[in-house]
C-alpha atoms as a PDB file:
ATOM      1  CA  UNK A   1    -193.842  11.538  37.783  1.00  0.00           C
ATOM      2  CA  UNK A   2    -194.690  13.811  34.856  1.00  0.00           C
ATOM      3  CA  UNK A   3    -191.561  15.870  35.521  1.00  0.00           C
ATOM      4  CA  UNK A   4    -189.426  12.714  35.336  1.00  0.00           C
ATOM      5  CA  UNK A   5    -191.055  11.687  32.067  1.00  0.00           C
ATOM      6  CA  UNK A   6    -190.558  15.170  30.606  1.00  0.00           C
ATOM      7  CA  UNK A   7    -186.911  15.202  31.718  1.00  0.00           C
ATOM      8  CA  UNK A   8    -186.394  11.791  30.129  1.00  0.00           C
ATOM      9  CA  UNK A   9    -187.867  13.015  26.836  1.00  0.00           C
ATOM     10  CA  UNK A  10    -185.616  16.085  26.895  1.00  0.00           C
ATOM     11  CA  UNK A  11    -182.478  14.007  27.489  1.00  0.00           C
ATOM     12  CA  UNK A  12    -183.299  11.424  24.811  1.00  0.00           C
ATOM     13  CA  UNK A  13    -184.324  14.183  22.375  1.00  0.00           C
ATOM     14  CA  UNK A  14    -180.995  15.975  22.838  1.00  0.00           C
ATOM     15  CA  UNK A  15    -179.228  12.663  22.234  1.00  0.00           C
ATOM     16  CA  UNK A  16    -181.294  12.102  19.087  1.00  0.00           C
ATOM     17  CA  UNK A  17    -180.564  15.607  17.774  1.00  0.00           C
ATOM     18  CA  UNK A  18    -176.830  15.136  18.348  1.00  0.00           C
ATOM     19  CA  UNK A  19    -176.912  11.724  16.681  1.00  0.00           C
ATOM     20  CA  UNK A  20    -178.660  13.167  13.628  1.00  0.00           C
ATOM     21  CA  UNK A  21    -176.055  15.946  13.494  1.00  0.00           C
ATOM     22  CA  UNK A  22    -173.223  13.405  13.660  1.00  0.00           C
ATOM     23  CA  UNK A  23    -174.861  11.387  10.872  1.00  0.00           C
ATOM     24  CA  UNK A  24    -175.360  14.488   8.728  1.00  0.00           C
ATOM     25  CA  UNK A  25    -171.700  15.440   9.137  1.00  0.00           C
ATOM     26  CA  UNK A  26    -170.649  11.871   8.278  1.00  0.00           C
ATOM     27  CA  UNK A  27    -172.826  11.957   5.160  1.00  0.00           C
ATOM     28  CA  UNK A  28    -171.253  15.222   4.004  1.00  0.00           C
ATOM     29  CA  UNK A  29    -167.737  13.908   4.625  1.00  0.00           C
ATOM     30  CA  UNK A  30    -168.560  10.506   3.111  1.00  0.00           C
ATOM     31  CA  UNK A  31    -167.616   8.739   6.313  1.00  0.00           C
ATOM     32  CA  UNK A  32    -169.194   5.893   8.243  1.00  0.00           C
ATOM     33  CA  UNK A  33    -172.841   6.679   8.987  1.00  0.00           C
ATOM     34  CA  UNK A  34    -175.144   6.080  11.921  1.00  0.00           C
ATOM     35  CA  UNK A  35    -177.503   3.240  11.068  1.00  0.00           C
ATOM     36  CA  UNK A  36    -181.120   4.083  10.355  1.00  0.00           C
ATOM     37  CA  UNK A  37    -182.038   1.421  12.894  1.00  0.00           C
ATOM     38  CA  UNK A  38    -180.204   3.404  15.596  1.00  0.00           C
ATOM     39  CA  UNK A  39    -181.986   6.603  14.592  1.00  0.00           C
ATOM     40  CA  UNK A  40    -185.344   4.831  14.753  1.00  0.00           C
ATOM     41  CA  UNK A  41    -184.573   3.269  18.129  1.00  0.00           C
ATOM     42  CA  UNK A  42    -183.790   6.713  19.534  1.00  0.00           C
ATOM     43  CA  UNK A  43    -187.140   7.964  18.244  1.00  0.00           C
ATOM     44  CA  UNK A  44    -188.953   4.965  19.674  1.00  0.00           C
ATOM     45  CA  UNK A  45    -187.266   5.504  23.045  1.00  0.00           C
ATOM     46  CA  UNK A  46    -188.702   9.025  23.247  1.00  0.00           C
ATOM     47  CA  UNK A  47    -186.228  11.048  21.239  1.00  0.00           C
ATOM     48  CA  UNK A  48    -188.650  11.718  18.413  1.00  0.00           C
ATOM     49  CA  UNK A  49    -189.062  15.448  19.245  1.00  0.00           C
ATOM     50  CA  UNK A  50    -185.293  15.948  18.955  1.00  0.00           C
ATOM     51  CA  UNK A  51    -185.210  13.807  15.822  1.00  0.00           C
ATOM     52  CA  UNK A  52    -187.960  15.905  14.262  1.00  0.00           C
ATOM     53  CA  UNK A  53    -186.121  19.133  15.107  1.00  0.00           C
ATOM     54  CA  UNK A  54    -182.905  17.747  13.653  1.00  0.00           C
ATOM     55  CA  UNK A  55    -184.681  16.698  10.469  1.00  0.00           C
ATOM     56  CA  UNK A  56    -186.056  20.212  10.048  1.00  0.00           C
ATOM     57  CA  UNK A  57    -183.009  22.254  11.117  1.00  0.00           C
ATOM     58  CA  UNK A  58    -180.341  20.076   9.517  1.00  0.00           C
ATOM     59  CA  UNK A  59    -182.405  19.105   6.466  1.00  0.00           C
ATOM     60  CA  UNK A  60    -181.472  15.510   7.168  1.00  0.00           C
ATOM     61  CA  UNK A  61    -183.526  12.428   6.316  1.00  0.00           C
ATOM     62  CA  UNK A  62    -186.359  14.550   4.928  1.00  0.00           C
ATOM     63  CA  UNK A  63    -186.464  13.078   1.414  1.00  0.00           C
ATOM     64  CA  UNK A  64    -186.368   9.341   2.139  1.00  0.00           C
ATOM     65  CA  UNK A  65    -190.031   8.315   2.228  1.00  0.00           C
ATOM     66  CA  UNK A  66    -189.425   4.828   3.700  1.00  0.00           C
ATOM     67  CA  UNK A  67    -187.360   6.365   6.510  1.00  0.00           C
ATOM     68  CA  UNK A  68    -190.027   8.993   7.197  1.00  0.00           C
ATOM     69  CA  UNK A  69    -192.772   6.352   7.326  1.00  0.00           C
ATOM     70  CA  UNK A  70    -190.881   4.274   9.874  1.00  0.00           C
ATOM     71  CA  UNK A  71    -190.047   7.445  11.820  1.00  0.00           C
ATOM     72  CA  UNK A  72    -193.750   8.367  12.140  1.00  0.00           C
ATOM     73  CA  UNK A  73    -194.507   4.783  13.117  1.00  0.00           C
ATOM     74  CA  UNK A  74    -191.971   5.081  15.966  1.00  0.00           C
ATOM     75  CA  UNK A  75    -193.653   8.324  17.054  1.00  0.00           C
ATOM     76  CA  UNK A  76    -197.063   6.645  17.156  1.00  0.00           C
ATOM     77  CA  UNK A  77    -195.684   3.620  19.014  1.00  0.00           C
ATOM     78  CA  UNK A  78    -193.872   5.806  21.533  1.00  0.00           C
ATOM     79  CA  UNK A  79    -196.981   7.870  22.203  1.00  0.00           C
ATOM     80  CA  UNK A  80    -199.043   4.700  22.653  1.00  0.00           C
ATOM     81  CA  UNK A  81    -196.487   3.371  25.143  1.00  0.00           C
ATOM     82  CA  UNK A  82    -196.406   6.720  26.940  1.00  0.00           C
ATOM     83  CA  UNK A  83    -200.196   6.745  27.186  1.00  0.00           C
ATOM     84  CA  UNK A  84    -200.130   3.226  28.610  1.00  0.00           C
ATOM     85  CA  UNK A  85    -197.462   4.069  31.189  1.00  0.00           C
ATOM     86  CA  UNK A  86    -199.225   7.250  32.300  1.00  0.00           C
ATOM     87  CA  UNK A  87    -202.555   5.401  32.514  1.00  0.00           C
ATOM     88  CA  UNK A  88    -200.974   2.624  34.560  1.00  0.00           C
ATOM     89  CA  UNK A  89    -199.412   5.048  37.034  1.00  0.00           C
ATOM     90  CA  UNK A  90    -202.650   7.029  37.191  1.00  0.00           C
ATOM     91  CA  UNK A  91    -204.617   3.930  38.104  1.00  0.00           C
ATOM     92  CA  UNK A  92    -202.129   3.078  40.894  1.00  0.00           C
ATOM     93  CA  UNK A  93    -202.256   6.575  42.344  1.00  0.00           C
ATOM     94  CA  UNK A  94    -206.031   6.497  42.880  1.00  0.00           C
END
């Protein structure tokens, strides 16, 4: 089960990184942007490691304090959900 969870996080993180890159390129070119809601939903779904890497490597969404606060909230919520899921499966496997 842990391998499946890790694989899921990798896939969603890659998707988040790519989405941040697309948004960064759109911002530079003054084109239609990816909504912040979509970026936060990706983080909440487990893509927060990829989102964090994108923020650092692409220097994207690092200055907007309200965005960063919601981002860290999605990280905390995701980790709480992950803990609950792992605990639930652990209790069934005993």
